[in-house]
Amino acid sequence: MDRTISTVLAALGGAGRSADGEPPVVQGHGSAADGLVRVTAGLGGRIESVEIEPAAMRLPSTDLAEEVRAATNAALAELRAAIAEVSGAPDTTAVLEQLREVQRTAVPQLQGFVDTLAQVQERLASGGRA
């Protein structure tokens, strides 16, 4: 029973961790102008990098600004999705199956324990020995 409960707790507590137990690096990447403009967004919505290929510099300034805006919005959208993925709840199907296993194994064990205690109590009440 302890092993099963530990497995459930590990599944619940392990959300948002990589296989080595370290928190994952969460970033969002966006690009525009056929990849000539690339933006990387990090936690807190901070823009970590903006890369503009020299060919994009030939665009009119208003067009270039629009491409930077589009790449930034794409990076932020991907960042939000990545945050939701790592901070979301664990797979509920797996957790439910583990809880069903606890129910299948723990409930009969606990019932047996309660039955034994009841028998001991009856023996003690009737003056017998446990």
C-alpha atoms as a PDB file:
ATOM      1  CA  MET A   1       0.000   0.000   0.000  1.00  0.00           C
ATOM      2  CA  ASP A   2       2.832   2.400   0.877  1.00  0.00           C
ATOM      3  CA  ARG A   3       4.437   1.722  -2.521  1.00  0.00           C
ATOM      4  CA  THR A   4       1.206   2.521  -4.351  1.00  0.00           C
ATOM      5  CA  ILE A   5       0.623   5.732  -2.416  1.00  0.00           C
ATOM      6  CA  SER A   6       4.243   6.745  -3.021  1.00  0.00           C
ATOM      7  CA  THR A   7       3.733   6.203  -6.742  1.00  0.00           C
ATOM      8  CA  VAL A   8       0.648   8.421  -6.733  1.00  0.00           C
ATOM      9  CA  LEU A   9       2.448  11.116  -4.759  1.00  0.00           C
ATOM     10  CA  ALA A  10       5.417  10.953  -7.117  1.00  0.00           C
ATOM     11  CA  ALA A  11       3.106  11.398 -10.101  1.00  0.00           C
ATOM     12  CA  LEU A  12       1.458  14.382  -8.473  1.00  0.00           C
ATOM     13  CA  GLY A  13       4.699  15.940  -7.248  1.00  0.00           C
ATOM     14  CA  GLY A  14       6.687  15.309 -10.406  1.00  0.00           C
ATOM     15  CA  ALA A  15       4.686  17.576 -12.689  1.00  0.00           C
ATOM     16  CA  GLY A  16       6.848  20.196 -14.259  1.00  0.00           C
ATOM     17  CA  ARG A  17      10.123  18.329 -13.754  1.00  0.00           C
ATOM     18  CA  SER A  18      12.364  16.757 -16.336  1.00  0.00           C
ATOM     19  CA  ALA A  19      13.575  13.150 -16.129  1.00  0.00           C
ATOM     20  CA  ASP A  20      16.641  14.223 -14.129  1.00  0.00           C
ATOM     21  CA  GLY A  21      14.476  16.092 -11.600  1.00  0.00           C
ATOM     22  CA  GLU A  22      15.555  19.542 -12.733  1.00  0.00           C
ATOM     23  CA  PRO A  23      13.002  22.176 -13.683  1.00  0.00           C
ATOM     24  CA  PRO A  24      12.773  22.398 -17.452  1.00  0.00           C
ATOM     25  CA  VAL A  25      14.016  25.386 -19.414  1.00  0.00           C
ATOM     26  CA  VAL A  26      10.892  27.143 -20.587  1.00  0.00           C
ATOM     27  CA  GLN A  27      11.124  29.321 -23.671  1.00  0.00           C
ATOM     28  CA  GLY A  28       9.009  30.378 -26.588  1.00  0.00           C
ATOM     29  CA  HIS A  29      10.330  30.859 -30.089  1.00  0.00           C
ATOM     30  CA  GLY A  30       8.713  32.850 -32.856  1.00  0.00           C
ATOM     31  CA  SER A  31       9.716  33.815 -36.350  1.00  0.00           C
ATOM     32  CA  ALA A  32       8.392  35.997 -39.123  1.00  0.00           C
ATOM     33  CA  ALA A  33       9.376  37.232 -42.577  1.00  0.00           C
ATOM     34  CA  ASP A  34      10.130  33.671 -43.715  1.00  0.00           C
ATOM     35  CA  GLY A  35      12.510  33.161 -40.789  1.00  0.00           C
ATOM     36  CA  LEU A  36      14.434  36.384 -41.301  1.00  0.00           C
ATOM     37  CA  VAL A  37      13.197  37.660 -37.929  1.00  0.00           C
ATOM     38  CA  ARG A  38      13.458  35.358 -34.894  1.00  0.00           C
ATOM     39  CA  VAL A  39      12.532  36.069 -31.270  1.00  0.00           C
ATOM     40  CA  THR A  40      13.053  34.028 -28.107  1.00  0.00           C
ATOM     41  CA  ALA A  41      10.910  34.744 -25.036  1.00  0.00           C
ATOM     42  CA  GLY A  42      11.686  33.472 -21.536  1.00  0.00           C
ATOM     43  CA  LEU A  43       9.941  33.214 -18.203  1.00  0.00           C
ATOM     44  CA  GLY A  44       8.313  36.375 -17.001  1.00  0.00           C
ATOM     45  CA  GLY A  45       7.570  37.351 -20.590  1.00  0.00           C
ATOM     46  CA  ARG A  46      11.104  38.666 -21.029  1.00  0.00           C
ATOM     47  CA  ILE A  47      12.432  38.814 -24.554  1.00  0.00           C
ATOM     48  CA  GLU A  48      15.736  36.958 -24.437  1.00  0.00           C
ATOM     49  CA  SER A  49      16.849  37.506 -28.003  1.00  0.00           C
ATOM     50  CA  VAL A  50      15.858  39.178 -31.245  1.00  0.00           C
ATOM     51  CA  GLU A  51      17.680  38.117 -34.389  1.00  0.00           C
ATOM     52  CA  ILE A  52      17.209  39.977 -37.654  1.00  0.00           C
ATOM     53  CA  GLU A  53      18.924  38.671 -40.764  1.00  0.00           C
ATOM     54  CA  PRO A  54      20.580  41.332 -42.930  1.00  0.00           C
ATOM     55  CA  ALA A  55      18.129  40.672 -45.762  1.00  0.00           C
ATOM     56  CA  ALA A  56      15.256  41.792 -43.505  1.00  0.00           C
ATOM     57  CA  MET A  57      16.923  45.178 -43.102  1.00  0.00           C
ATOM     58  CA  ARG A  58      15.918  45.940 -46.697  1.00  0.00           C
ATOM     59  CA  LEU A  59      12.258  45.970 -45.684  1.00  0.00           C
ATOM     60  CA  PRO A  60      10.586  49.326 -45.096  1.00  0.00           C
ATOM     61  CA  SER A  61      10.832  50.196 -41.382  1.00  0.00           C
ATOM     62  CA  THR A  62       7.082  49.834 -40.825  1.00  0.00           C
ATOM     63  CA  ASP A  63       7.133  46.362 -42.410  1.00  0.00           C
ATOM     64  CA  LEU A  64      10.175  45.333 -40.384  1.00  0.00           C
ATOM     65  CA  ALA A  65       8.499  46.573 -37.190  1.00  0.00           C
ATOM     66  CA  GLU A  66       5.405  44.509 -38.062  1.00  0.00           C
ATOM     67  CA  GLU A  67       7.550  41.393 -38.611  1.00  0.00           C
ATOM     68  CA  VAL A  68       9.287  41.903 -35.254  1.00  0.00           C
ATOM     69  CA  ARG A  69       5.877  42.327 -33.599  1.00  0.00           C
ATOM     70  CA  ALA A  70       4.573  39.144 -35.262  1.00  0.00           C
ATOM     71  CA  ALA A  71       7.635  37.108 -34.244  1.00  0.00           C
ATOM     72  CA  THR A  72       7.427  38.444 -30.678  1.00  0.00           C
ATOM     73  CA  ASN A  73       3.743  37.574 -30.369  1.00  0.00           C
ATOM     74  CA  ALA A  74       4.431  34.083 -31.734  1.00  0.00           C
ATOM     75  CA  ALA A  75       7.258  33.608 -29.199  1.00  0.00           C
ATOM     76  CA  LEU A  76       5.048  34.765 -26.335  1.00  0.00           C
ATOM     77  CA  ALA A  77       2.211  32.465 -27.444  1.00  0.00           C
ATOM     78  CA  GLU A  78       4.603  29.510 -27.566  1.00  0.00           C
ATOM     79  CA  LEU A  79       5.958  30.502 -24.149  1.00  0.00           C
ATOM     80  CA  ARG A  80       2.439  30.507 -22.662  1.00  0.00           C
ATOM     81  CA  ALA A  81       1.814  27.043 -24.123  1.00  0.00           C
ATOM     82  CA  ALA A  82       5.131  25.758 -22.748  1.00  0.00           C
ATOM     83  CA  ILE A  83       4.365  27.138 -19.288  1.00  0.00           C
ATOM     84  CA  ALA A  84       0.941  25.502 -19.335  1.00  0.00           C
ATOM     85  CA  GLU A  85       2.525  22.211 -20.352  1.00  0.00           C
ATOM     86  CA  VAL A  86       5.148  22.092 -17.588  1.00  0.00           C
ATOM     87  CA  SER A  87       2.968  23.499 -14.840  1.00  0.00           C
ATOM     88  CA  GLY A  88      -0.184  21.611 -15.739  1.00  0.00           C
ATOM     89  CA  ALA A  89      -1.577  18.708 -13.793  1.00  0.00           C
ATOM     90  CA  PRO A  90      -0.105  15.270 -14.354  1.00  0.00           C
ATOM     91  CA  ASP A  91      -1.852  12.869 -16.687  1.00  0.00           C
ATOM     92  CA  THR A  92      -5.168  12.347 -14.925  1.00  0.00           C
ATOM     93  CA  THR A  93      -5.667   8.950 -16.547  1.00  0.00           C
ATOM     94  CA  ALA A  94      -2.508   7.625 -14.910  1.00  0.00           C
ATOM     95  CA  VAL A  95      -3.327   9.204 -11.556  1.00  0.00           C
ATOM     96  CA  LEU A  96      -6.866   7.795 -11.629  1.00  0.00           C
ATOM     97  CA  GLU A  97      -5.548   4.322 -12.400  1.00  0.00           C
ATOM     98  CA  GLN A  98      -3.096   4.584  -9.513  1.00  0.00           C
ATOM     99  CA  LEU A  99      -5.881   5.714  -7.182  1.00  0.00           C
ATOM    100  CA  ARG A 100      -8.008   2.764  -8.331  1.00  0.00           C
ATOM    101  CA  GLU A 101      -5.083   0.484  -7.465  1.00  0.00           C
ATOM    102  CA  VAL A 102      -4.908   2.053  -3.998  1.00  0.00           C
ATOM    103  CA  GLN A 103      -8.624   1.449  -3.627  1.00  0.00           C
ATOM    104  CA  ARG A 104      -8.286  -2.178  -4.774  1.00  0.00           C
ATOM    105  CA  THR A 105      -5.399  -2.950  -2.429  1.00  0.00           C
ATOM    106  CA  ALA A 106      -5.686  -0.579   0.504  1.00  0.00           C
ATOM    107  CA  VAL A 107      -9.395  -0.850   1.234  1.00  0.00           C
ATOM    108  CA  PRO A 108      -9.347  -4.644   1.760  1.00  0.00           C
ATOM    109  CA  GLN A 109      -6.165  -4.340   3.833  1.00  0.00           C
ATOM    110  CA  LEU A 110      -7.683  -1.636   6.011  1.00  0.00           C
ATOM    111  CA  GLN A 111     -10.921  -3.608   6.329  1.00  0.00           C
ATOM    112  CA  GLY A 112      -8.918  -6.638   7.494  1.00  0.00           C
ATOM    113  CA  PHE A 113      -7.138  -4.461  10.044  1.00  0.00           C
ATOM    114  CA  VAL A 114     -10.459  -3.073  11.335  1.00  0.00           C
ATOM    115  CA  ASP A 115     -11.946  -6.586  11.500  1.00  0.00           C
ATOM    116  CA  THR A 116      -8.962  -7.814  13.516  1.00  0.00           C
ATOM    117  CA  LEU A 117      -9.284  -4.889  15.921  1.00  0.00           C
ATOM    118  CA  ALA A 118     -13.002  -5.620  16.322  1.00  0.00           C
ATOM    119  CA  GLN A 119     -12.255  -9.271  17.098  1.00  0.00           C
ATOM    120  CA  VAL A 120      -9.646  -8.292  19.687  1.00  0.00           C
ATOM    121  CA  GLN A 121     -12.086  -5.838  21.242  1.00  0.00           C
ATOM    122  CA  GLU A 122     -14.790  -8.528  21.435  1.00  0.00           C
ATOM    123  CA  ARG A 123     -12.390 -10.984  23.063  1.00  0.00           C
ATOM    124  CA  LEU A 124     -11.314  -8.390  25.599  1.00  0.00           C
ATOM    125  CA  ALA A 125     -14.935  -7.447  26.333  1.00  0.00           C
ATOM    126  CA  SER A 126     -15.849 -11.124  26.885  1.00  0.00           C
ATOM    127  CA  GLY A 127     -12.922 -11.600  29.230  1.00  0.00           C
ATOM    128  CA  GLY A 128     -10.912 -13.686  26.773  1.00  0.00           C
ATOM    129  CA  ARG A 129      -7.373 -13.175  25.747  1.00  0.00           C
ATOM    130  CA  ALA A 130      -6.355 -11.610  22.465  1.00  0.00           C
END
